[in-house]
Amino acid sequence: MILNQISVERVRFTCTGCGQTWTVDYGVQHVEDGYGHDRDYYSYDGLPCPDPTAPGATLCPACSHGRLVVTIAARRATPAVAGTRTGDRGTRPGPSKTAERAAAPLPTGTDQGQM
């Protein structure tokens, strides 16, 4: 598989049953399978999850209704590494940087956070 892009997508849900509206930030890896087919892999709080825009994948937290209007409210993309010189393998993080990353908490406040 070829990783093309990593993004954070803020998805807005509106329940057609009770009108409740909420937003959630998802991590998305956009990849190509080597045969020209694109695939998206979603995660929430660092854990794999189904595509939140698929019918029935998300239920309303207020009334458990499954019919939702789903829109991408915002998106921040990071392209995969491309166009590097031969032999350029990026920066190798030192042990302290690796430990700091491992100990860092996940961002919170996805419902009110800024992108």
PDB file of N, CA and C in Angstrom:
ATOM      1  N   MET A   1       0.839  -1.182   0.000  1.00  0.00           N
ATOM      2  CA  MET A   1       0.000   0.000   0.000  1.00  0.00           C
ATOM      3  C   MET A   1       0.881   1.241   0.000  1.00  0.00           C
ATOM      4  N   ILE A   2       0.388   2.294  -0.618  1.00  0.00           N
ATOM      5  CA  ILE A   2       1.107   3.546  -0.714  1.00  0.00           C
ATOM      6  C   ILE A   2       0.318   4.610   0.041  1.00  0.00           C
ATOM      7  N   LEU A   3       0.926   5.170   1.074  1.00  0.00           N
ATOM      8  CA  LEU A   3       0.279   6.222   1.854  1.00  0.00           C
ATOM      9  C   LEU A   3       0.364   7.528   1.079  1.00  0.00           C
ATOM     10  N   ASN A   4      -0.779   8.097   0.736  1.00  0.00           N
ATOM     11  CA  ASN A   4      -0.819   9.344  -0.023  1.00  0.00           C
ATOM     12  C   ASN A   4      -0.981  10.573   0.863  1.00  0.00           C
ATOM     13  N   GLN A   5      -1.734  10.432   1.943  1.00  0.00           N
ATOM     14  CA  GLN A   5      -2.043  11.595   2.758  1.00  0.00           C
ATOM     15  C   GLN A   5      -2.582  11.148   4.110  1.00  0.00           C
ATOM     16  N   ILE A   6      -2.292  11.943   5.123  1.00  0.00           N
ATOM     17  CA  ILE A   6      -2.872  11.759   6.449  1.00  0.00           C
ATOM     18  C   ILE A   6      -3.650  13.043   6.734  1.00  0.00           C
ATOM     19  N   SER A   7      -4.858  12.909   7.241  1.00  0.00           N
ATOM     20  CA  SER A   7      -5.635  14.109   7.523  1.00  0.00           C
ATOM     21  C   SER A   7      -6.426  13.953   8.810  1.00  0.00           C
ATOM     22  N   VAL A   8      -6.861  15.089   9.324  1.00  0.00           N
ATOM     23  CA  VAL A   8      -7.829  15.134  10.408  1.00  0.00           C
ATOM     24  C   VAL A   8      -9.081  15.752   9.796  1.00  0.00           C
ATOM     25  N   GLU A   9     -10.177  15.031   9.896  1.00  0.00           N
ATOM     26  CA  GLU A   9     -11.436  15.522   9.343  1.00  0.00           C
ATOM     27  C   GLU A   9     -12.442  15.719  10.469  1.00  0.00           C
ATOM     28  N   ARG A  10     -12.956  16.928  10.569  1.00  0.00           N
ATOM     29  CA  ARG A  10     -14.009  17.235  11.538  1.00  0.00           C
ATOM     30  C   ARG A  10     -15.343  16.949  10.859  1.00  0.00           C
ATOM     31  N   VAL A  11     -16.067  15.994  11.402  1.00  0.00           N
ATOM     32  CA  VAL A  11     -17.333  15.560  10.822  1.00  0.00           C
ATOM     33  C   VAL A  11     -18.476  16.093  11.680  1.00  0.00           C
ATOM     34  N   ARG A  12     -19.444  16.731  11.031  1.00  0.00           N
ATOM     35  CA  ARG A  12     -20.623  17.257  11.725  1.00  0.00           C
ATOM     36  C   ARG A  12     -21.791  16.302  11.473  1.00  0.00           C
ATOM     37  N   PHE A  13     -22.427  15.907  12.564  1.00  0.00           N
ATOM     38  CA  PHE A  13     -23.583  15.021  12.494  1.00  0.00           C
ATOM     39  C   PHE A  13     -24.814  15.803  12.936  1.00  0.00           C
ATOM     40  N   THR A  14     -25.922  15.607  12.235  1.00  0.00           N
ATOM     41  CA  THR A  14     -27.209  16.173  12.638  1.00  0.00           C
ATOM     42  C   THR A  14     -28.234  15.054  12.578  1.00  0.00           C
ATOM     43  N   CYS A  15     -28.880  14.800  13.692  1.00  0.00           N
ATOM     44  CA  CYS A  15     -29.869  13.724  13.788  1.00  0.00           C
ATOM     45  C   CYS A  15     -31.173  14.169  13.136  1.00  0.00           C
ATOM     46  N   THR A  16     -31.707  13.329  12.247  1.00  0.00           N
ATOM     47  CA  THR A  16     -32.985  13.650  11.615  1.00  0.00           C
ATOM     48  C   THR A  16     -34.161  13.313  12.531  1.00  0.00           C
ATOM     49  N   GLY A  17     -33.886  12.593  13.623  1.00  0.00           N
ATOM     50  CA  GLY A  17     -34.938  12.242  14.574  1.00  0.00           C
ATOM     51  C   GLY A  17     -35.211  13.347  15.575  1.00  0.00           C
ATOM     52  N   CYS A  18     -34.154  13.815  16.270  1.00  0.00           N
ATOM     53  CA  CYS A  18     -34.358  14.803  17.341  1.00  0.00           C
ATOM     54  C   CYS A  18     -33.699  16.153  17.062  1.00  0.00           C
ATOM     55  N   GLY A  19     -32.891  16.248  15.995  1.00  0.00           N
ATOM     56  CA  GLY A  19     -32.266  17.523  15.659  1.00  0.00           C
ATOM     57  C   GLY A  19     -30.934  17.786  16.349  1.00  0.00           C
ATOM     58  N   GLN A  20     -30.497  16.874  17.203  1.00  0.00           N
ATOM     59  CA  GLN A  20     -29.204  17.026  17.902  1.00  0.00           C
ATOM     60  C   GLN A  20     -28.087  17.196  16.869  1.00  0.00           C
ATOM     61  N   THR A  21     -27.143  18.122  17.138  1.00  0.00           N
ATOM     62  CA  THR A  21     -25.994  18.338  16.269  1.00  0.00           C
ATOM     63  C   THR A  21     -24.726  18.238  17.099  1.00  0.00           C
ATOM     64  N   TRP A  22     -23.701  17.566  16.565  1.00  0.00           N
ATOM     65  CA  TRP A  22     -22.412  17.439  17.242  1.00  0.00           C
ATOM     66  C   TRP A  22     -21.314  17.226  16.200  1.00  0.00           C
ATOM     67  N   THR A  23     -20.078  17.461  16.612  1.00  0.00           N
ATOM     68  CA  THR A  23     -18.939  17.254  15.724  1.00  0.00           C
ATOM     69  C   THR A  23     -17.925  16.340  16.390  1.00  0.00           C
ATOM     70  N   VAL A  24     -17.193  15.600  15.551  1.00  0.00           N
ATOM     71  CA  VAL A  24     -16.149  14.692  16.016  1.00  0.00           C
ATOM     72  C   VAL A  24     -14.979  14.787  15.046  1.00  0.00           C
ATOM     73  N   ASP A  25     -13.753  14.784  15.565  1.00  0.00           N
ATOM     74  CA  ASP A  25     -12.549  14.782  14.736  1.00  0.00           C
ATOM     75  C   ASP A  25     -12.062  13.346  14.551  1.00  0.00           C
ATOM     76  N   TYR A  26     -11.812  12.975  13.311  1.00  0.00           N
ATOM     77  CA  TYR A  26     -11.308  11.643  12.960  1.00  0.00           C
ATOM     78  C   TYR A  26      -9.960  11.770  12.271  1.00  0.00           C
ATOM     79  N   GLY A  27      -9.062  10.845  12.554  1.00  0.00           N
ATOM     80  CA  GLY A  27      -7.834  10.720  11.788  1.00  0.00           C
ATOM     81  C   GLY A  27      -8.138   9.856  10.579  1.00  0.00           C
ATOM     82  N   VAL A  28      -7.607  10.241   9.418  1.00  0.00           N
ATOM     83  CA  VAL A  28      -7.860   9.486   8.199  1.00  0.00           C
ATOM     84  C   VAL A  28      -6.543   9.268   7.464  1.00  0.00           C
ATOM     85  N   GLN A  29      -6.274   8.036   7.100  1.00  0.00           N
ATOM     86  CA  GLN A  29      -5.129   7.713   6.255  1.00  0.00           C
ATOM     87  C   GLN A  29      -5.671   7.385   4.870  1.00  0.00           C
ATOM     88  N   HIS A  30      -5.231   8.155   3.875  1.00  0.00           N
ATOM     89  CA  HIS A  30      -5.649   7.952   2.493  1.00  0.00           C
ATOM     90  C   HIS A  30      -4.538   7.158   1.807  1.00  0.00           C
ATOM     91  N   VAL A  31      -4.848   5.962   1.364  1.00  0.00           N
ATOM     92  CA  VAL A  31      -3.826   5.090   0.772  1.00  0.00           C
ATOM     93  C   VAL A  31      -4.296   4.572  -0.591  1.00  0.00           C
ATOM     94  N   GLU A  32      -3.307   4.136  -1.381  1.00  0.00           N
ATOM     95  CA  GLU A  32      -3.580   3.463  -2.645  1.00  0.00           C
ATOM     96  C   GLU A  32      -3.070   2.042  -2.498  1.00  0.00           C
ATOM     97  N   ASP A  33      -3.834   1.076  -2.974  1.00  0.00           N
ATOM     98  CA  ASP A  33      -3.490  -0.327  -2.729  1.00  0.00           C
ATOM     99  C   ASP A  33      -2.449  -0.909  -3.685  1.00  0.00           C
ATOM    100  N   GLY A  34      -1.889  -0.114  -4.581  1.00  0.00           N
ATOM    101  CA  GLY A  34      -0.908  -0.617  -5.527  1.00  0.00           C
ATOM    102  C   GLY A  34      -1.529  -1.021  -6.851  1.00  0.00           C
ATOM    103  N   TYR A  35      -2.851  -1.093  -6.900  1.00  0.00           N
ATOM    104  CA  TYR A  35      -3.576  -1.427  -8.129  1.00  0.00           C
ATOM    105  C   TYR A  35      -4.410  -0.241  -8.611  1.00  0.00           C
ATOM    106  N   GLY A  36      -4.164   0.929  -8.039  1.00  0.00           N
ATOM    107  CA  GLY A  36      -4.889   2.129  -8.436  1.00  0.00           C
ATOM    108  C   GLY A  36      -6.188   2.369  -7.693  1.00  0.00           C
ATOM    109  N   HIS A  37      -6.482   1.548  -6.668  1.00  0.00           N
ATOM    110  CA  HIS A  37      -7.710   1.717  -5.886  1.00  0.00           C
ATOM    111  C   HIS A  37      -7.398   2.502  -4.612  1.00  0.00           C
ATOM    112  N   ASP A  38      -8.173   3.531  -4.366  1.00  0.00           N
ATOM    113  CA  ASP A  38      -7.993   4.345  -3.157  1.00  0.00           C
ATOM    114  C   ASP A  38      -8.785   3.746  -2.005  1.00  0.00           C
ATOM    115  N   ARG A  39      -8.218   3.836  -0.809  1.00  0.00           N
ATOM    116  CA  ARG A  39      -8.877   3.370   0.414  1.00  0.00           C
ATOM    117  C   ARG A  39      -8.670   4.423   1.496  1.00  0.00           C
ATOM    118  N   ASP A  40      -9.642   4.594   2.357  1.00  0.00           N
ATOM    119  CA  ASP A  40      -9.527   5.474   3.515  1.00  0.00           C
ATOM    120  C   ASP A  40      -9.642   4.631   4.771  1.00  0.00           C
ATOM    121  N   TYR A  41      -8.736   4.862   5.721  1.00  0.00           N
ATOM    122  CA  TYR A  41      -8.752   4.175   7.003  1.00  0.00           C
ATOM    123  C   TYR A  41      -8.962   5.217   8.091  1.00  0.00           C
ATOM    124  N   TYR A  42     -10.009   5.045   8.884  1.00  0.00           N
ATOM    125  CA  TYR A  42     -10.389   6.018   9.903  1.00  0.00           C
ATOM    126  C   TYR A  42      -9.944   5.575  11.289  1.00  0.00           C
ATOM    127  N   SER A  43      -9.673   6.578  12.140  1.00  0.00           N
ATOM    128  CA  SER A  43      -9.397   6.307  13.550  1.00  0.00           C
ATOM    129  C   SER A  43     -10.032   7.406  14.383  1.00  0.00           C
ATOM    130  N   TYR A  44     -10.376   7.034  15.609  1.00  0.00           N
ATOM    131  CA  TYR A  44     -10.938   7.972  16.577  1.00  0.00           C
ATOM    132  C   TYR A  44     -10.171   7.775  17.878  1.00  0.00           C
ATOM    133  N   ASP A  45      -9.587   8.847  18.396  1.00  0.00           N
ATOM    134  CA  ASP A  45      -8.739   8.781  19.598  1.00  0.00           C
ATOM    135  C   ASP A  45      -7.651   7.720  19.459  1.00  0.00           C
ATOM    136  N   GLY A  46      -7.118   7.592  18.240  1.00  0.00           N
ATOM    137  CA  GLY A  46      -6.008   6.678  18.003  1.00  0.00           C
ATOM    138  C   GLY A  46      -6.398   5.234  17.769  1.00  0.00           C
ATOM    139  N   LEU A  47      -7.689   4.922  17.805  1.00  0.00           N
ATOM    140  CA  LEU A  47      -8.152   3.551  17.605  1.00  0.00           C
ATOM    141  C   LEU A  47      -8.877   3.432  16.259  1.00  0.00           C
ATOM    142  N   PRO A  48      -8.636   2.351  15.511  1.00  0.00           N
ATOM    143  CA  PRO A  48      -9.335   2.168  14.231  1.00  0.00           C
ATOM    144  C   PRO A  48     -10.847   2.148  14.439  1.00  0.00           C
ATOM    145  N   CYS A  49     -11.555   2.709  13.477  1.00  0.00           N
ATOM    146  CA  CYS A  49     -13.017   2.725  13.540  1.00  0.00           C
ATOM    147  C   CYS A  49     -13.565   2.668  12.120  1.00  0.00           C
ATOM    148  N   PRO A  50     -14.850   2.326  11.974  1.00  0.00           N
ATOM    149  CA  PRO A  50     -15.453   2.324  10.639  1.00  0.00           C
ATOM    150  C   PRO A  50     -15.598   3.747  10.109  1.00  0.00           C
ATOM    151  N   ASP A  51     -15.796   3.862   8.824  1.00  0.00           N
ATOM    152  CA  ASP A  51     -16.054   5.159   8.191  1.00  0.00           C
ATOM    153  C   ASP A  51     -17.295   5.770   8.844  1.00  0.00           C
ATOM    154  N   PRO A  52     -17.143   6.917   9.519  1.00  0.00           N
ATOM    155  CA  PRO A  52     -18.289   7.497  10.227  1.00  0.00           C
ATOM    156  C   PRO A  52     -19.378   8.001   9.300  1.00  0.00           C
ATOM    157  N   THR A  53     -19.081   8.148   8.016  1.00  0.00           N
ATOM    158  CA  THR A  53     -20.085   8.631   7.072  1.00  0.00           C
ATOM    159  C   THR A  53     -20.904   7.495   6.463  1.00  0.00           C
ATOM    160  N   ALA A  54     -20.542   6.240   6.757  1.00  0.00           N
ATOM    161  CA  ALA A  54     -21.297   5.097   6.232  1.00  0.00           C
ATOM    162  C   ALA A  54     -22.662   5.021   6.918  1.00  0.00           C
ATOM    163  N   PRO A  55     -23.704   4.670   6.171  1.00  0.00           N
ATOM    164  CA  PRO A  55     -25.042   4.567   6.774  1.00  0.00           C
ATOM    165  C   PRO A  55     -25.048   3.610   7.964  1.00  0.00           C
ATOM    166  N   GLY A  56     -25.575   4.079   9.096  1.00  0.00           N
ATOM    167  CA  GLY A  56     -25.682   3.262  10.294  1.00  0.00           C
ATOM    168  C   GLY A  56     -24.420   3.139  11.124  1.00  0.00           C
ATOM    169  N   ALA A  57     -23.308   3.745  10.685  1.00  0.00           N
ATOM    170  CA  ALA A  57     -22.048   3.634  11.427  1.00  0.00           C
ATOM    171  C   ALA A  57     -22.068   4.447  12.716  1.00  0.00           C
ATOM    172  N   THR A  58     -22.866   5.491  12.759  1.00  0.00           N
ATOM    173  CA  THR A  58     -22.930   6.373  13.924  1.00  0.00           C
ATOM    174  C   THR A  58     -24.391   6.528  14.336  1.00  0.00           C
ATOM    175  N   LEU A  59     -24.630   6.484  15.647  1.00  0.00           N
ATOM    176  CA  LEU A  59     -25.970   6.693  16.185  1.00  0.00           C
ATOM    177  C   LEU A  59     -26.004   7.997  16.971  1.00  0.00           C
ATOM    178  N   CYS A  60     -27.157   8.608  17.019  1.00  0.00           N
ATOM    179  CA  CYS A  60     -27.333   9.846  17.785  1.00  0.00           C
ATOM    180  C   CYS A  60     -27.117   9.561  19.267  1.00  0.00           C
ATOM    181  N   PRO A  61     -26.264  10.350  19.950  1.00  0.00           N
ATOM    182  CA  PRO A  61     -26.051  10.132  21.377  1.00  0.00           C
ATOM    183  C   PRO A  61     -27.260  10.518  22.234  1.00  0.00           C
ATOM    184  N   ALA A  62     -28.166  11.314  21.679  1.00  0.00           N
ATOM    185  CA  ALA A  62     -29.331  11.753  22.459  1.00  0.00           C
ATOM    186  C   ALA A  62     -30.508  10.776  22.353  1.00  0.00           C
ATOM    187  N   CYS A  63     -30.758  10.254  21.124  1.00  0.00           N
ATOM    188  CA  CYS A  63     -31.961   9.423  20.942  1.00  0.00           C
ATOM    189  C   CYS A  63     -31.675   8.070  20.285  1.00  0.00           C
ATOM    190  N   SER A  64     -30.430   7.777  19.973  1.00  0.00           N
ATOM    191  CA  SER A  64     -30.002   6.519  19.336  1.00  0.00           C
ATOM    192  C   SER A  64     -30.553   6.322  17.932  1.00  0.00           C
ATOM    193  N   HIS A  65     -31.043   7.380  17.333  1.00  0.00           N
ATOM    194  CA  HIS A  65     -31.547   7.318  15.961  1.00  0.00           C
ATOM    195  C   HIS A  65     -30.354   7.103  15.023  1.00  0.00           C
ATOM    196  N   GLY A  66     -30.539   6.320  13.962  1.00  0.00           N
ATOM    197  CA  GLY A  66     -29.442   6.012  13.052  1.00  0.00           C
ATOM    198  C   GLY A  66     -29.435   6.817  11.764  1.00  0.00           C
ATOM    199  N   ARG A  67     -30.466   7.609  11.533  1.00  0.00           N
ATOM    200  CA  ARG A  67     -30.505   8.417  10.314  1.00  0.00           C
ATOM    201  C   ARG A  67     -29.972   9.802  10.618  1.00  0.00           C
ATOM    202  N   LEU A  68     -28.790  10.061  10.057  1.00  0.00           N
ATOM    203  CA  LEU A  68     -28.096  11.315  10.335  1.00  0.00           C
ATOM    204  C   LEU A  68     -27.715  12.008   9.043  1.00  0.00           C
ATOM    205  N   VAL A  69     -27.664  13.328   9.096  1.00  0.00           N
ATOM    206  CA  VAL A  69     -27.063  14.106   8.017  1.00  0.00           C
ATOM    207  C   VAL A  69     -25.613  14.283   8.411  1.00  0.00           C
ATOM    208  N   VAL A  70     -24.696  13.837   7.534  1.00  0.00           N
ATOM    209  CA  VAL A  70     -23.269  13.843   7.850  1.00  0.00           C
ATOM    210  C   VAL A  70     -22.539  14.719   6.845  1.00  0.00           C
ATOM    211  N   THR A  71     -21.771  15.695   7.347  1.00  0.00           N
ATOM    212  CA  THR A  71     -20.987  16.567   6.477  1.00  0.00           C
ATOM    213  C   THR A  71     -19.585  16.727   7.047  1.00  0.00           C
ATOM    214  N   ILE A  72     -18.619  16.943   6.169  1.00  0.00           N
ATOM    215  CA  ILE A  72     -17.265  17.252   6.618  1.00  0.00           C
ATOM    216  C   ILE A  72     -17.218  18.757   6.860  1.00  0.00           C
ATOM    217  N   ALA A  73     -17.072  19.142   8.127  1.00  0.00           N
ATOM    218  CA  ALA A  73     -17.106  20.544   8.520  1.00  0.00           C
ATOM    219  C   ALA A  73     -15.760  21.229   8.326  1.00  0.00           C
ATOM    220  N   ALA A  74     -14.670  20.480   8.463  1.00  0.00           N
ATOM    221  CA  ALA A  74     -13.328  21.045   8.305  1.00  0.00           C
ATOM    222  C   ALA A  74     -12.360  19.900   8.042  1.00  0.00           C
ATOM    223  N   ARG A  75     -11.205  20.250   7.485  1.00  0.00           N
ATOM    224  CA  ARG A  75     -10.219  19.230   7.147  1.00  0.00           C
ATOM    225  C   ARG A  75      -8.828  19.835   7.185  1.00  0.00           C
ATOM    226  N   ARG A  76      -7.905  19.112   7.794  1.00  0.00           N
ATOM    227  CA  ARG A  76      -6.494  19.523   7.801  1.00  0.00           C
ATOM    228  C   ARG A  76      -5.696  18.329   7.281  1.00  0.00           C
ATOM    229  N   ALA A  77      -5.010  18.502   6.143  1.00  0.00           N
ATOM    230  CA  ALA A  77      -4.294  17.402   5.512  1.00  0.00           C
ATOM    231  C   ALA A  77      -2.788  17.599   5.600  1.00  0.00           C
ATOM    232  N   THR A  78      -2.087  16.476   5.699  1.00  0.00           N
ATOM    233  CA  THR A  78      -0.633  16.450   5.650  1.00  0.00           C
ATOM    234  C   THR A  78      -0.252  15.470   4.555  1.00  0.00           C
ATOM    235  N   PRO A  79       0.374  15.965   3.474  1.00  0.00           N
ATOM    236  CA  PRO A  79       0.753  15.035   2.406  1.00  0.00           C
ATOM    237  C   PRO A  79       1.836  14.081   2.875  1.00  0.00           C
ATOM    238  N   ALA A  80       1.848  12.901   2.280  1.00  0.00           N
ATOM    239  CA  ALA A  80       2.904  11.931   2.580  1.00  0.00           C
ATOM    240  C   ALA A  80       4.227  12.473   2.067  1.00  0.00           C
ATOM    241  N   VAL A  81       5.317  11.987   2.631  1.00  0.00           N
ATOM    242  CA  VAL A  81       6.646  12.424   2.222  1.00  0.00           C
ATOM    243  C   VAL A  81       6.851  12.060   0.758  1.00  0.00           C
ATOM    244  N   ALA A  82       7.244  13.052  -0.038  1.00  0.00           N
ATOM    245  CA  ALA A  82       7.502  12.823  -1.462  1.00  0.00           C
ATOM    246  C   ALA A  82       8.575  13.789  -1.931  1.00  0.00           C
ATOM    247  N   GLY A  83       9.253  13.434  -2.982  1.00  0.00           N
ATOM    248  CA  GLY A  83      10.222  14.343  -3.578  1.00  0.00           C
ATOM    249  C   GLY A  83      11.482  14.531  -2.766  1.00  0.00           C
ATOM    250  N   THR A  84      11.845  13.555  -1.938  1.00  0.00           N
ATOM    251  CA  THR A  84      13.075  13.686  -1.164  1.00  0.00           C
ATOM    252  C   THR A  84      14.259  13.226  -1.996  1.00  0.00           C
ATOM    253  N   ARG A  85      15.427  13.715  -1.635  1.00  0.00           N
ATOM    254  CA  ARG A  85      16.647  13.316  -2.331  1.00  0.00           C
ATOM    255  C   ARG A  85      16.951  11.845  -2.053  1.00  0.00           C
ATOM    256  N   THR A  86      17.645  11.218  -2.967  1.00  0.00           N
ATOM    257  CA  THR A  86      18.060   9.835  -2.769  1.00  0.00           C
ATOM    258  C   THR A  86      18.908   9.761  -1.508  1.00  0.00           C
ATOM    259  N   GLY A  87      18.604   8.853  -0.657  1.00  0.00           N
ATOM    260  CA  GLY A  87      19.350   8.693   0.586  1.00  0.00           C
ATOM    261  C   GLY A  87      18.838   9.544   1.736  1.00  0.00           C
ATOM    262  N   ASP A  88      17.956  10.501   1.472  1.00  0.00           N
ATOM    263  CA  ASP A  88      17.404  11.336   2.541  1.00  0.00           C
ATOM    264  C   ASP A  88      16.314  10.542   3.245  1.00  0.00           C
ATOM    265  N   ARG A  89      16.537  10.218   4.489  1.00  0.00           N
ATOM    266  CA  ARG A  89      15.569   9.409   5.238  1.00  0.00           C
ATOM    267  C   ARG A  89      14.914  10.201   6.355  1.00  0.00           C
ATOM    268  N   GLY A  90      14.959  11.507   6.256  1.00  0.00           N
ATOM    269  CA  GLY A  90      14.347  12.328   7.285  1.00  0.00           C
ATOM    270  C   GLY A  90      15.238  12.441   8.504  1.00  0.00           C
ATOM    271  N   THR A  91      14.683  12.920   9.584  1.00  0.00           N
ATOM    272  CA  THR A  91      15.420  13.107  10.823  1.00  0.00           C
ATOM    273  C   THR A  91      15.137  11.934  11.748  1.00  0.00           C
ATOM    274  N   ARG A  92      16.175  11.381  12.320  1.00  0.00           N
ATOM    275  CA  ARG A  92      16.010  10.278  13.258  1.00  0.00           C
ATOM    276  C   ARG A  92      15.831  10.878  14.653  1.00  0.00           C
ATOM    277  N   PRO A  93      14.675  10.647  15.289  1.00  0.00           N
ATOM    278  CA  PRO A  93      14.475  11.222  16.620  1.00  0.00           C
ATOM    279  C   PRO A  93      15.352  10.533  17.656  1.00  0.00           C
ATOM    280  N   GLY A  94      15.839  11.323  18.596  1.00  0.00           N
ATOM    281  CA  GLY A  94      16.638  10.772  19.689  1.00  0.00           C
ATOM    282  C   GLY A  94      15.748  10.081  20.706  1.00  0.00           C
ATOM    283  N   PRO A  95      16.354   9.354  21.653  1.00  0.00           N
ATOM    284  CA  PRO A  95      15.576   8.623  22.660  1.00  0.00           C
ATOM    285  C   PRO A  95      14.659   9.523  23.487  1.00  0.00           C
ATOM    286  N   SER A  96      15.113  10.743  23.803  1.00  0.00           N
ATOM    287  CA  SER A  96      14.271  11.624  24.620  1.00  0.00           C
ATOM    288  C   SER A  96      13.034  12.070  23.842  1.00  0.00           C
ATOM    289  N   LYS A  97      13.171  12.324  22.540  1.00  0.00           N
ATOM    290  CA  LYS A  97      12.028  12.730  21.708  1.00  0.00           C
ATOM    291  C   LYS A  97      11.042  11.562  21.579  1.00  0.00           C
ATOM    292  N   THR A  98      11.557  10.351  21.382  1.00  0.00           N
ATOM    293  CA  THR A  98      10.707   9.171  21.274  1.00  0.00           C
ATOM    294  C   THR A  98       9.931   8.938  22.570  1.00  0.00           C
ATOM    295  N   ALA A  99      10.601   9.076  23.706  1.00  0.00           N
ATOM    296  CA  ALA A  99       9.946   8.898  25.001  1.00  0.00           C
ATOM    297  C   ALA A  99       8.893   9.981  25.239  1.00  0.00           C
ATOM    298  N   GLU A 100       9.221  11.221  24.852  1.00  0.00           N
ATOM    299  CA  GLU A 100       8.282  12.330  25.022  1.00  0.00           C
ATOM    300  C   GLU A 100       7.011  12.094  24.199  1.00  0.00           C
ATOM    301  N   ARG A 101       7.177  11.619  22.974  1.00  0.00           N
ATOM    302  CA  ARG A 101       6.012  11.332  22.132  1.00  0.00           C
ATOM    303  C   ARG A 101       5.161  10.218  22.720  1.00  0.00           C
ATOM    304  N   ALA A 102       5.802   9.179  23.219  1.00  0.00           N
ATOM    305  CA  ALA A 102       5.075   8.043  23.782  1.00  0.00           C
ATOM    306  C   ALA A 102       4.275   8.448  25.017  1.00  0.00           C
ATOM    307  N   ALA A 103       4.788   9.402  25.794  1.00  0.00           N
ATOM    308  CA  ALA A 103       4.132   9.818  27.033  1.00  0.00           C
ATOM    309  C   ALA A 103       3.088  10.914  26.821  1.00  0.00           C
ATOM    310  N   ALA A 104       3.072  11.540  25.642  1.00  0.00           N
ATOM    311  CA  ALA A 104       2.157  12.663  25.399  1.00  0.00           C
ATOM    312  C   ALA A 104       0.714  12.172  25.352  1.00  0.00           C
ATOM    313  N   PRO A 105      -0.208  12.888  26.015  1.00  0.00           N
ATOM    314  CA  PRO A 105      -1.622  12.494  25.964  1.00  0.00           C
ATOM    315  C   PRO A 105      -2.222  12.836  24.605  1.00  0.00           C
ATOM    316  N   LEU A 106      -3.329  12.167  24.279  1.00  0.00           N
ATOM    317  CA  LEU A 106      -4.055  12.503  23.061  1.00  0.00           C
ATOM    318  C   LEU A 106      -4.721  13.856  23.242  1.00  0.00           C
ATOM    319  N   PRO A 107      -4.854  14.638  22.164  1.00  0.00           N
ATOM    320  CA  PRO A 107      -5.560  15.920  22.270  1.00  0.00           C
ATOM    321  C   PRO A 107      -7.003  15.688  22.712  1.00  0.00           C
ATOM    322  N   THR A 108      -7.530  16.607  23.473  1.00  0.00           N
ATOM    323  CA  THR A 108      -8.919  16.513  23.915  1.00  0.00           C
ATOM    324  C   THR A 108      -9.696  17.706  23.381  1.00  0.00           C
ATOM    325  N   GLY A 109     -10.980  17.707  23.636  1.00  0.00           N
ATOM    326  CA  GLY A 109     -11.805  18.853  23.230  1.00  0.00           C
ATOM    327  C   GLY A 109     -12.154  18.834  21.762  1.00  0.00           C
ATOM    328  N   THR A 110     -12.338  17.643  21.167  1.00  0.00           N
ATOM    329  CA  THR A 110     -12.640  17.589  19.736  1.00  0.00           C
ATOM    330  C   THR A 110     -13.962  18.278  19.415  1.00  0.00           C
ATOM    331  N   ASP A 111     -14.863  18.326  20.366  1.00  0.00           N
ATOM    332  CA  ASP A 111     -16.149  18.969  20.077  1.00  0.00           C
ATOM    333  C   ASP A 111     -16.025  20.486  20.007  1.00  0.00           C
ATOM    334  N   GLN A 112     -15.080  21.067  20.733  1.00  0.00           N
ATOM    335  CA  GLN A 112     -14.934  22.513  20.759  1.00  0.00           C
ATOM    336  C   GLN A 112     -13.598  22.980  20.188  1.00  0.00           C
ATOM    337  N   GLY A 113     -12.721  22.037  19.820  1.00  0.00           N
ATOM    338  CA  GLY A 113     -11.360  22.371  19.426  1.00  0.00           C
ATOM    339  C   GLY A 113     -11.268  23.149  18.115  1.00  0.00           C
ATOM    340  N   GLN A 114     -10.138  23.785  17.947  1.00  0.00           N
ATOM    341  CA  GLN A 114      -9.833  24.530  16.726  1.00  0.00           C
ATOM    342  C   GLN A 114      -9.015  23.646  15.794  1.00  0.00           C
ATOM    343  N   MET A 115      -9.155  23.861  14.524  1.00  0.00           N
ATOM    344  CA  MET A 115      -8.351  23.098  13.555  1.00  0.00           C
ATOM    345  C   MET A 115      -7.322  24.004  12.970  1.00  0.00           C
TER     346      MET A 115
END
